[in-house]
Amino acid sequence: MNKINNYNSLLSTKNDKITNTKTADSFGSLLNNALDKVNEMQLESQEYKKMLAIGEVDNLHDVTIAADKADTALQVVMAIRGKVVEAYKEIMRIQI
């Protein structure tokens, strides 16, 4: 009976590793997608600013909104980055 329990615990550990890998991949892809989106917002904001400088923009509100959206998205990403770094440091402090 003890061998069966050991085997079951090994299977459980292997399944947990597979699940954690899939979760890590999805979390990583989620972060990459979010960073790509923030980058797109930053590029859009820069494009609006260039268009404003050469007089191609009629509505100043569009420029301001694009800049604010890009700034807010960047602040959110930086806050998430800070929380991830804090969590990593906390995990590193845990002694097994």
PDB file of N, CA and C in Angstrom:
ATOM      1  N   MET A   1       0.825  -1.197   0.000  1.00  0.00           N
ATOM      2  CA  MET A   1       0.000   0.000   0.000  1.00  0.00           C
ATOM      3  C   MET A   1       0.868   1.259   0.000  1.00  0.00           C
ATOM      4  N   ASN A   2       2.000   1.204   0.671  1.00  0.00           N
ATOM      5  CA  ASN A   2       2.904   2.341   0.745  1.00  0.00           C
ATOM      6  C   ASN A   2       3.466   2.677  -0.624  1.00  0.00           C
ATOM      7  N   LYS A   3       3.753   1.639  -1.440  1.00  0.00           N
ATOM      8  CA  LYS A   3       4.274   1.879  -2.784  1.00  0.00           C
ATOM      9  C   LYS A   3       3.246   2.592  -3.651  1.00  0.00           C
ATOM     10  N   ILE A   4       1.990   2.259  -3.467  1.00  0.00           N
ATOM     11  CA  ILE A   4       0.928   2.910  -4.230  1.00  0.00           C
ATOM     12  C   ILE A   4       0.841   4.382  -3.862  1.00  0.00           C
ATOM     13  N   ASN A   5       0.922   4.694  -2.585  1.00  0.00           N
ATOM     14  CA  ASN A   5       0.881   6.090  -2.146  1.00  0.00           C
ATOM     15  C   ASN A   5       2.070   6.868  -2.697  1.00  0.00           C
ATOM     16  N   ASN A   6       3.262   6.238  -2.695  1.00  0.00           N
ATOM     17  CA  ASN A   6       4.439   6.910  -3.250  1.00  0.00           C
ATOM     18  C   ASN A   6       4.257   7.178  -4.739  1.00  0.00           C
ATOM     19  N   TYR A   7       3.720   6.191  -5.448  1.00  0.00           N
ATOM     20  CA  TYR A   7       3.484   6.349  -6.881  1.00  0.00           C
ATOM     21  C   TYR A   7       2.470   7.465  -7.144  1.00  0.00           C
ATOM     22  N   ASN A   8       1.400   7.496  -6.360  1.00  0.00           N
ATOM     23  CA  ASN A   8       0.386   8.540  -6.523  1.00  0.00           C
ATOM     24  C   ASN A   8       0.969   9.927  -6.251  1.00  0.00           C
ATOM     25  N   SER A   9       1.826  10.035  -5.259  1.00  0.00           N
ATOM     26  CA  SER A   9       2.431  11.334  -4.966  1.00  0.00           C
ATOM     27  C   SER A   9       3.366  11.761  -6.089  1.00  0.00           C
ATOM     28  N   LEU A  10       4.077  10.811  -6.710  1.00  0.00           N
ATOM     29  CA  LEU A  10       4.928  11.138  -7.847  1.00  0.00           C
ATOM     30  C   LEU A  10       4.094  11.625  -9.032  1.00  0.00           C
ATOM     31  N   LEU A  11       2.984  10.965  -9.286  1.00  0.00           N
ATOM     32  CA  LEU A  11       2.099  11.381 -10.369  1.00  0.00           C
ATOM     33  C   LEU A  11       1.537  12.769 -10.101  1.00  0.00           C
ATOM     34  N   SER A  12       1.151  12.996  -8.866  1.00  0.00           N
ATOM     35  CA  SER A  12       0.598  14.290  -8.495  1.00  0.00           C
ATOM     36  C   SER A  12       1.628  15.397  -8.720  1.00  0.00           C
ATOM     37  N   THR A  13       2.875  15.146  -8.329  1.00  0.00           N
ATOM     38  CA  THR A  13       3.937  16.127  -8.513  1.00  0.00           C
ATOM     39  C   THR A  13       4.173  16.387  -9.988  1.00  0.00           C
ATOM     40  N   LYS A  14       4.180  15.332 -10.800  1.00  0.00           N
ATOM     41  CA  LYS A  14       4.389  15.494 -12.233  1.00  0.00           C
ATOM     42  C   LYS A  14       3.252  16.300 -12.856  1.00  0.00           C
ATOM     43  N   ASN A  15       2.019  16.014 -12.475  1.00  0.00           N
ATOM     44  CA  ASN A  15       0.871  16.754 -13.000  1.00  0.00           C
ATOM     45  C   ASN A  15       0.918  18.210 -12.573  1.00  0.00           C
ATOM     46  N   ASP A  16       1.339  18.467 -11.328  1.00  0.00           N
ATOM     47  CA  ASP A  16       1.464  19.846 -10.852  1.00  0.00           C
ATOM     48  C   ASP A  16       2.489  20.608 -11.689  1.00  0.00           C
ATOM     49  N   LYS A  17       3.612  19.952 -12.027  1.00  0.00           N
ATOM     50  CA  LYS A  17       4.636  20.615 -12.834  1.00  0.00           C
ATOM     51  C   LYS A  17       4.102  20.942 -14.217  1.00  0.00           C
ATOM     52  N   ILE A  18       3.339  20.032 -14.801  1.00  0.00           N
ATOM     53  CA  ILE A  18       2.762  20.280 -16.118  1.00  0.00           C
ATOM     54  C   ILE A  18       1.792  21.454 -16.048  1.00  0.00           C
ATOM     55  N   THR A  19       0.939  21.466 -15.036  1.00  0.00           N
ATOM     56  CA  THR A  19      -0.025  22.549 -14.867  1.00  0.00           C
ATOM     57  C   THR A  19       0.689  23.868 -14.633  1.00  0.00           C
ATOM     58  N   ASN A  20       1.722  23.864 -13.790  1.00  0.00           N
ATOM     59  CA  ASN A  20       2.467  25.093 -13.519  1.00  0.00           C
ATOM     60  C   ASN A  20       3.156  25.611 -14.769  1.00  0.00           C
ATOM     61  N   THR A  21       3.654  24.709 -15.612  1.00  0.00           N
ATOM     62  CA  THR A  21       4.295  25.130 -16.847  1.00  0.00           C
ATOM     63  C   THR A  21       3.284  25.785 -17.774  1.00  0.00           C
ATOM     64  N   LYS A  22       2.108  25.187 -17.890  1.00  0.00           N
ATOM     65  CA  LYS A  22       1.074  25.783 -18.745  1.00  0.00           C
ATOM     66  C   LYS A  22       0.643  27.137 -18.194  1.00  0.00           C
ATOM     67  N   THR A  23       0.518  27.230 -16.876  1.00  0.00           N
ATOM     68  CA  THR A  23       0.132  28.495 -16.255  1.00  0.00           C
ATOM     69  C   THR A  23       1.213  29.541 -16.478  1.00  0.00           C
ATOM     70  N   ALA A  24       2.462  29.145 -16.330  1.00  0.00           N
ATOM     71  CA  ALA A  24       3.565  30.080 -16.544  1.00  0.00           C
ATOM     72  C   ALA A  24       3.581  30.552 -17.991  1.00  0.00           C
ATOM     73  N   ASP A  25       3.352  29.632 -18.937  1.00  0.00           N
ATOM     74  CA  ASP A  25       3.319  30.019 -20.343  1.00  0.00           C
ATOM     75  C   ASP A  25       2.185  30.993 -20.612  1.00  0.00           C
ATOM     76  N   SER A  26       1.017  30.728 -20.067  1.00  0.00           N
ATOM     77  CA  SER A  26      -0.109  31.622 -20.314  1.00  0.00           C
ATOM     78  C   SER A  26       0.112  32.970 -19.631  1.00  0.00           C
ATOM     79  N   PHE A  27       0.701  32.969 -18.439  1.00  0.00           N
ATOM     80  CA  PHE A  27       0.990  34.223 -17.754  1.00  0.00           C
ATOM     81  C   PHE A  27       2.043  35.005 -18.528  1.00  0.00           C
ATOM     82  N   GLY A  28       3.048  34.296 -19.015  1.00  0.00           N
ATOM     83  CA  GLY A  28       4.086  34.950 -19.808  1.00  0.00           C
ATOM     84  C   GLY A  28       3.536  35.546 -21.084  1.00  0.00           C
ATOM     85  N   SER A  29       2.660  34.803 -21.750  1.00  0.00           N
ATOM     86  CA  SER A  29       2.072  35.320 -22.986  1.00  0.00           C
ATOM     87  C   SER A  29       1.138  36.486 -22.685  1.00  0.00           C
ATOM     88  N   LEU A  30       0.458  36.417 -21.554  1.00  0.00           N
ATOM     89  CA  LEU A  30      -0.401  37.533 -21.145  1.00  0.00           C
ATOM     90  C   LEU A  30       0.429  38.798 -20.928  1.00  0.00           C
ATOM     91  N   LEU A  31       1.553  38.654 -20.261  1.00  0.00           N
ATOM     92  CA  LEU A  31       2.428  39.810 -20.038  1.00  0.00           C
ATOM     93  C   LEU A  31       2.996  40.334 -21.352  1.00  0.00           C
ATOM     94  N   ASN A  32       3.408  39.424 -22.220  1.00  0.00           N
ATOM     95  CA  ASN A  32       3.938  39.864 -23.520  1.00  0.00           C
ATOM     96  C   ASN A  32       2.887  40.611 -24.327  1.00  0.00           C
ATOM     97  N   ASN A  33       1.664  40.110 -24.316  1.00  0.00           N
ATOM     98  CA  ASN A  33       0.578  40.794 -25.035  1.00  0.00           C
ATOM     99  C   ASN A  33       0.312  42.175 -24.450  1.00  0.00           C
ATOM    100  N   ALA A  34       0.344  42.258 -23.122  1.00  0.00           N
ATOM    101  CA  ALA A  34       0.116  43.550 -22.466  1.00  0.00           C
ATOM    102  C   ALA A  34       1.235  44.536 -22.809  1.00  0.00           C
ATOM    103  N   LEU A  35       2.467  44.057 -22.811  1.00  0.00           N
ATOM    104  CA  LEU A  35       3.588  44.939 -23.158  1.00  0.00           C
ATOM    105  C   LEU A  35       3.511  45.380 -24.612  1.00  0.00           C
ATOM    106  N   ASP A  36       3.106  44.488 -25.487  1.00  0.00           N
ATOM    107  CA  ASP A  36       2.934  44.860 -26.894  1.00  0.00           C
ATOM    108  C   ASP A  36       1.865  45.939 -27.042  1.00  0.00           C
ATOM    109  N   LYS A  37       0.779  45.791 -26.294  1.00  0.00           N
ATOM    110  CA  LYS A  37      -0.311  46.770 -26.351  1.00  0.00           C
ATOM    111  C   LYS A  37       0.162  48.140 -25.844  1.00  0.00           C
ATOM    112  N   VAL A  38       0.918  48.138 -24.750  1.00  0.00           N
ATOM    113  CA  VAL A  38       1.456  49.395 -24.205  1.00  0.00           C
ATOM    114  C   VAL A  38       2.397  50.030 -25.217  1.00  0.00           C
ATOM    115  N   ASN A  39       3.215  49.214 -25.855  1.00  0.00           N
ATOM    116  CA  ASN A  39       4.130  49.735 -26.874  1.00  0.00           C
ATOM    117  C   ASN A  39       3.355  50.365 -28.025  1.00  0.00           C
ATOM    118  N   GLU A  40       2.286  49.712 -28.459  1.00  0.00           N
ATOM    119  CA  GLU A  40       1.449  50.272 -29.521  1.00  0.00           C
ATOM    120  C   GLU A  40       0.867  51.622 -29.109  1.00  0.00           C
ATOM    121  N   MET A  41       0.428  51.716 -27.853  1.00  0.00           N
ATOM    122  CA  MET A  41      -0.125  52.982 -27.360  1.00  0.00           C
ATOM    123  C   MET A  41       0.934  54.069 -27.350  1.00  0.00           C
ATOM    124  N   GLN A  42       2.153  53.720 -26.942  1.00  0.00           N
ATOM    125  CA  GLN A  42       3.246  54.695 -26.923  1.00  0.00           C
ATOM    126  C   GLN A  42       3.563  55.169 -28.342  1.00  0.00           C
ATOM    127  N   LEU A  43       3.606  54.235 -29.288  1.00  0.00           N
ATOM    128  CA  LEU A  43       3.886  54.609 -30.682  1.00  0.00           C
ATOM    129  C   LEU A  43       2.777  55.469 -31.265  1.00  0.00           C
ATOM    130  N   GLU A  44       1.531  55.139 -30.924  1.00  0.00           N
ATOM    131  CA  GLU A  44       0.398  55.942 -31.394  1.00  0.00           C
ATOM    132  C   GLU A  44       0.483  57.355 -30.837  1.00  0.00           C
ATOM    133  N   SER A  45       0.830  57.470 -29.572  1.00  0.00           N
ATOM    134  CA  SER A  45       0.960  58.779 -28.944  1.00  0.00           C
ATOM    135  C   SER A  45       2.063  59.591 -29.620  1.00  0.00           C
ATOM    136  N   GLN A  46       3.193  58.946 -29.906  1.00  0.00           N
ATOM    137  CA  GLN A  46       4.288  59.641 -30.589  1.00  0.00           C
ATOM    138  C   GLN A  46       3.867  60.103 -31.984  1.00  0.00           C
ATOM    139  N   GLU A  47       3.109  59.243 -32.675  1.00  0.00           N
ATOM    140  CA  GLU A  47       2.642  59.599 -34.015  1.00  0.00           C
ATOM    141  C   GLU A  47       1.709  60.821 -33.955  1.00  0.00           C
ATOM    142  N   TYR A  48       0.805  60.824 -32.967  1.00  0.00           N
ATOM    143  CA  TYR A  48      -0.085  61.977 -32.799  1.00  0.00           C
ATOM    144  C   TYR A  48       0.718  63.254 -32.525  1.00  0.00           C
ATOM    145  N   LYS A  49       1.753  63.130 -31.701  1.00  0.00           N
ATOM    146  CA  LYS A  49       2.573  64.301 -31.383  1.00  0.00           C
ATOM    147  C   LYS A  49       3.298  64.825 -32.614  1.00  0.00           C
ATOM    148  N   LYS A  50       3.794  63.908 -33.455  1.00  0.00           N
ATOM    149  CA  LYS A  50       4.446  64.324 -34.698  1.00  0.00           C
ATOM    150  C   LYS A  50       3.448  65.037 -35.610  1.00  0.00           C
ATOM    151  N   MET A  51       2.250  64.453 -35.713  1.00  0.00           N
ATOM    152  CA  MET A  51       1.217  65.055 -36.563  1.00  0.00           C
ATOM    153  C   MET A  51       0.813  66.427 -36.038  1.00  0.00           C
ATOM    154  N   LEU A  52       0.775  66.572 -34.708  1.00  0.00           N
ATOM    155  CA  LEU A  52       0.448  67.872 -34.115  1.00  0.00           C
ATOM    156  C   LEU A  52       1.529  68.898 -34.447  1.00  0.00           C
ATOM    157  N   ALA A  53       2.783  68.464 -34.387  1.00  0.00           N
ATOM    158  CA  ALA A  53       3.897  69.379 -34.642  1.00  0.00           C
ATOM    159  C   ALA A  53       3.903  69.906 -36.073  1.00  0.00           C
ATOM    160  N   ILE A  54       3.458  69.082 -37.009  1.00  0.00           N
ATOM    161  CA  ILE A  54       3.464  69.537 -38.409  1.00  0.00           C
ATOM    162  C   ILE A  54       2.106  70.080 -38.850  1.00  0.00           C
ATOM    163  N   GLY A  55       1.155  70.111 -37.922  1.00  0.00           N
ATOM    164  CA  GLY A  55      -0.137  70.738 -38.194  1.00  0.00           C
ATOM    165  C   GLY A  55      -1.159  69.862 -38.888  1.00  0.00           C
ATOM    166  N   GLU A  56      -1.002  68.556 -38.818  1.00  0.00           N
ATOM    167  CA  GLU A  56      -1.946  67.642 -39.470  1.00  0.00           C
ATOM    168  C   GLU A  56      -3.111  67.225 -38.578  1.00  0.00           C
ATOM    169  N   VAL A  57      -3.086  67.619 -37.313  1.00  0.00           N
ATOM    170  CA  VAL A  57      -4.147  67.227 -36.377  1.00  0.00           C
ATOM    171  C   VAL A  57      -5.064  68.423 -36.153  1.00  0.00           C
ATOM    172  N   ASP A  58      -6.351  68.188 -36.351  1.00  0.00           N
ATOM    173  CA  ASP A  58      -7.327  69.254 -36.128  1.00  0.00           C
ATOM    174  C   ASP A  58      -7.819  69.273 -34.680  1.00  0.00           C
ATOM    175  N   ASN A  59      -7.855  68.122 -34.054  1.00  0.00           N
ATOM    176  CA  ASN A  59      -8.438  67.994 -32.724  1.00  0.00           C
ATOM    177  C   ASN A  59      -7.338  67.717 -31.697  1.00  0.00           C
ATOM    178  N   LEU A  60      -7.066  68.688 -30.869  1.00  0.00           N
ATOM    179  CA  LEU A  60      -6.037  68.544 -29.840  1.00  0.00           C
ATOM    180  C   LEU A  60      -6.424  67.505 -28.794  1.00  0.00           C
ATOM    181  N   HIS A  61      -7.711  67.282 -28.638  1.00  0.00           N
ATOM    182  CA  HIS A  61      -8.182  66.304 -27.653  1.00  0.00           C
ATOM    183  C   HIS A  61      -7.686  64.901 -27.976  1.00  0.00           C
ATOM    184  N   ASP A  62      -7.643  64.550 -29.250  1.00  0.00           N
ATOM    185  CA  ASP A  62      -7.160  63.228 -29.640  1.00  0.00           C
ATOM    186  C   ASP A  62      -5.707  63.019 -29.218  1.00  0.00           C
ATOM    187  N   VAL A  63      -4.903  64.050 -29.373  1.00  0.00           N
ATOM    188  CA  VAL A  63      -3.494  63.984 -28.996  1.00  0.00           C
ATOM    189  C   VAL A  63      -3.364  63.800 -27.488  1.00  0.00           C
ATOM    190  N   THR A  64      -4.131  64.589 -26.739  1.00  0.00           N
ATOM    191  CA  THR A  64      -4.084  64.524 -25.277  1.00  0.00           C
ATOM    192  C   THR A  64      -4.572  63.171 -24.773  1.00  0.00           C
ATOM    193  N   ILE A  65      -5.652  62.676 -25.354  1.00  0.00           N
ATOM    194  CA  ILE A  65      -6.200  61.383 -24.932  1.00  0.00           C
ATOM    195  C   ILE A  65      -5.211  60.261 -25.226  1.00  0.00           C
ATOM    196  N   ALA A  66      -4.596  60.268 -26.391  1.00  0.00           N
ATOM    197  CA  ALA A  66      -3.613  59.235 -26.745  1.00  0.00           C
ATOM    198  C   ALA A  66      -2.424  59.274 -25.785  1.00  0.00           C
ATOM    199  N   ALA A  67      -1.959  60.475 -25.461  1.00  0.00           N
ATOM    200  CA  ALA A  67      -0.826  60.608 -24.541  1.00  0.00           C
ATOM    201  C   ALA A  67      -1.192  60.130 -23.144  1.00  0.00           C
ATOM    202  N   ASP A  68      -2.385  60.473 -22.671  1.00  0.00           N
ATOM    203  CA  ASP A  68      -2.825  60.045 -21.348  1.00  0.00           C
ATOM    204  C   ASP A  68      -3.024  58.537 -21.272  1.00  0.00           C
ATOM    205  N   LYS A  69      -3.592  57.956 -22.327  1.00  0.00           N
ATOM    206  CA  LYS A  69      -3.779  56.502 -22.351  1.00  0.00           C
ATOM    207  C   LYS A  69      -2.434  55.781 -22.303  1.00  0.00           C
ATOM    208  N   ALA A  70      -1.476  56.264 -23.086  1.00  0.00           N
ATOM    209  CA  ALA A  70      -0.149  55.653 -23.111  1.00  0.00           C
ATOM    210  C   ALA A  70       0.540  55.800 -21.760  1.00  0.00           C
ATOM    211  N   ASP A  71       0.408  56.970 -21.146  1.00  0.00           N
ATOM    212  CA  ASP A  71       1.027  57.212 -19.844  1.00  0.00           C
ATOM    213  C   ASP A  71       0.408  56.330 -18.765  1.00  0.00           C
ATOM    214  N   THR A  72      -0.912  56.233 -18.759  1.00  0.00           N
ATOM    215  CA  THR A  72      -1.603  55.410 -17.768  1.00  0.00           C
ATOM    216  C   THR A  72      -1.249  53.931 -17.937  1.00  0.00           C
ATOM    217  N   ALA A  73      -1.205  53.471 -19.173  1.00  0.00           N
ATOM    218  CA  ALA A  73      -0.857  52.068 -19.433  1.00  0.00           C
ATOM    219  C   ALA A  73       0.565  51.771 -18.966  1.00  0.00           C
ATOM    220  N   LEU A  74       1.480  52.693 -19.205  1.00  0.00           N
ATOM    221  CA  LEU A  74       2.863  52.508 -18.766  1.00  0.00           C
ATOM    222  C   LEU A  74       2.949  52.485 -17.242  1.00  0.00           C
ATOM    223  N   GLN A  75       2.204  53.350 -16.574  1.00  0.00           N
ATOM    224  CA  GLN A  75       2.198  53.359 -15.105  1.00  0.00           C
ATOM    225  C   GLN A  75       1.664  52.044 -14.547  1.00  0.00           C
ATOM    226  N   VAL A  76       0.632  51.495 -15.176  1.00  0.00           N
ATOM    227  CA  VAL A  76       0.067  50.220 -14.726  1.00  0.00           C
ATOM    228  C   VAL A  76       1.092  49.105 -14.901  1.00  0.00           C
ATOM    229  N   VAL A  77       1.759  49.086 -16.049  1.00  0.00           N
ATOM    230  CA  VAL A  77       2.776  48.056 -16.296  1.00  0.00           C
ATOM    231  C   VAL A  77       3.906  48.169 -15.271  1.00  0.00           C
ATOM    232  N   MET A  78       4.330  49.368 -14.973  1.00  0.00           N
ATOM    233  CA  MET A  78       5.404  49.552 -13.989  1.00  0.00           C
ATOM    234  C   MET A  78       4.954  49.121 -12.592  1.00  0.00           C
ATOM    235  N   ALA A  79       3.692  49.365 -12.248  1.00  0.00           N
ATOM    236  CA  ALA A  79       3.171  48.921 -10.954  1.00  0.00           C
ATOM    237  C   ALA A  79       3.126  47.392 -10.890  1.00  0.00           C
ATOM    238  N   ILE A  80       2.693  46.765 -11.975  1.00  0.00           N
ATOM    239  CA  ILE A  80       2.666  45.302 -12.023  1.00  0.00           C
ATOM    240  C   ILE A  80       4.077  44.754 -11.922  1.00  0.00           C
ATOM    241  N   ARG A  81       4.998  45.368 -12.626  1.00  0.00           N
ATOM    242  CA  ARG A  81       6.394  44.943 -12.550  1.00  0.00           C
ATOM    243  C   ARG A  81       6.905  45.007 -11.115  1.00  0.00           C
ATOM    244  N   GLY A  82       6.588  46.089 -10.427  1.00  0.00           N
ATOM    245  CA  GLY A  82       7.007  46.234  -9.036  1.00  0.00           C
ATOM    246  C   GLY A  82       6.436  45.148  -8.145  1.00  0.00           C
ATOM    247  N   LYS A  83       5.170  44.815  -8.348  1.00  0.00           N
ATOM    248  CA  LYS A  83       4.538  43.764  -7.549  1.00  0.00           C
ATOM    249  C   LYS A  83       5.150  42.401  -7.842  1.00  0.00           C
ATOM    250  N   VAL A  84       5.472  42.148  -9.107  1.00  0.00           N
ATOM    251  CA  VAL A  84       6.096  40.868  -9.466  1.00  0.00           C
ATOM    252  C   VAL A  84       7.477  40.757  -8.833  1.00  0.00           C
ATOM    253  N   VAL A  85       8.232  41.843  -8.857  1.00  0.00           N
ATOM    254  CA  VAL A  85       9.563  41.837  -8.242  1.00  0.00           C
ATOM    255  C   VAL A  85       9.442  41.624  -6.733  1.00  0.00           C
ATOM    256  N   GLU A  86       8.481  42.286  -6.095  1.00  0.00           N
ATOM    257  CA  GLU A  86       8.256  42.087  -4.660  1.00  0.00           C
ATOM    258  C   GLU A  86       7.900  40.644  -4.352  1.00  0.00           C
ATOM    259  N   ALA A  87       7.024  40.057  -5.155  1.00  0.00           N
ATOM    260  CA  ALA A  87       6.621  38.665  -4.945  1.00  0.00           C
ATOM    261  C   ALA A  87       7.810  37.735  -5.124  1.00  0.00           C
ATOM    262  N   TYR A  88       8.628  37.988  -6.128  1.00  0.00           N
ATOM    263  CA  TYR A  88       9.810  37.159  -6.365  1.00  0.00           C
ATOM    264  C   TYR A  88      10.761  37.232  -5.171  1.00  0.00           C
ATOM    265  N   LYS A  89      10.999  38.445  -4.677  1.00  0.00           N
ATOM    266  CA  LYS A  89      11.890  38.602  -3.518  1.00  0.00           C
ATOM    267  C   LYS A  89      11.334  37.894  -2.297  1.00  0.00           C
ATOM    268  N   GLU A  90      10.021  37.956  -2.113  1.00  0.00           N
ATOM    269  CA  GLU A  90       9.380  37.277  -0.975  1.00  0.00           C
ATOM    270  C   GLU A  90       9.530  35.768  -1.098  1.00  0.00           C
ATOM    271  N   ILE A  91       9.367  35.261  -2.294  1.00  0.00           N
ATOM    272  CA  ILE A  91       9.525  33.820  -2.520  1.00  0.00           C
ATOM    273  C   ILE A  91      10.969  33.408  -2.252  1.00  0.00           C
ATOM    274  N   MET A  92      11.917  34.245  -2.644  1.00  0.00           N
ATOM    275  CA  MET A  92      13.325  33.922  -2.414  1.00  0.00           C
ATOM    276  C   MET A  92      13.667  33.928  -0.913  1.00  0.00           C
ATOM    277  N   ARG A  93      12.929  34.677  -0.115  1.00  0.00           N
ATOM    278  CA  ARG A  93      13.172  34.717   1.320  1.00  0.00           C
ATOM    279  C   ARG A  93      12.637  33.500   2.051  1.00  0.00           C
ATOM    280  N   ILE A  94      11.677  32.803   1.423  1.00  0.00           N
ATOM    281  CA  ILE A  94      11.078  31.628   2.045  1.00  0.00           C
ATOM    282  C   ILE A  94      12.121  30.520   2.096  1.00  0.00           C
ATOM    283  N   GLN A  95      12.296  29.957   3.265  1.00  0.00           N
ATOM    284  CA  GLN A  95      13.246  28.852   3.416  1.00  0.00           C
ATOM    285  C   GLN A  95      12.487  27.555   3.487  1.00  0.00           C
ATOM    286  N   ILE A  96      12.941  26.624   2.682  1.00  0.00           N
ATOM    287  CA  ILE A  96      12.276  25.319   2.632  1.00  0.00           C
ATOM    288  C   ILE A  96      12.961  24.347   3.556  1.00  0.00           C
TER     289      ILE A  96
END
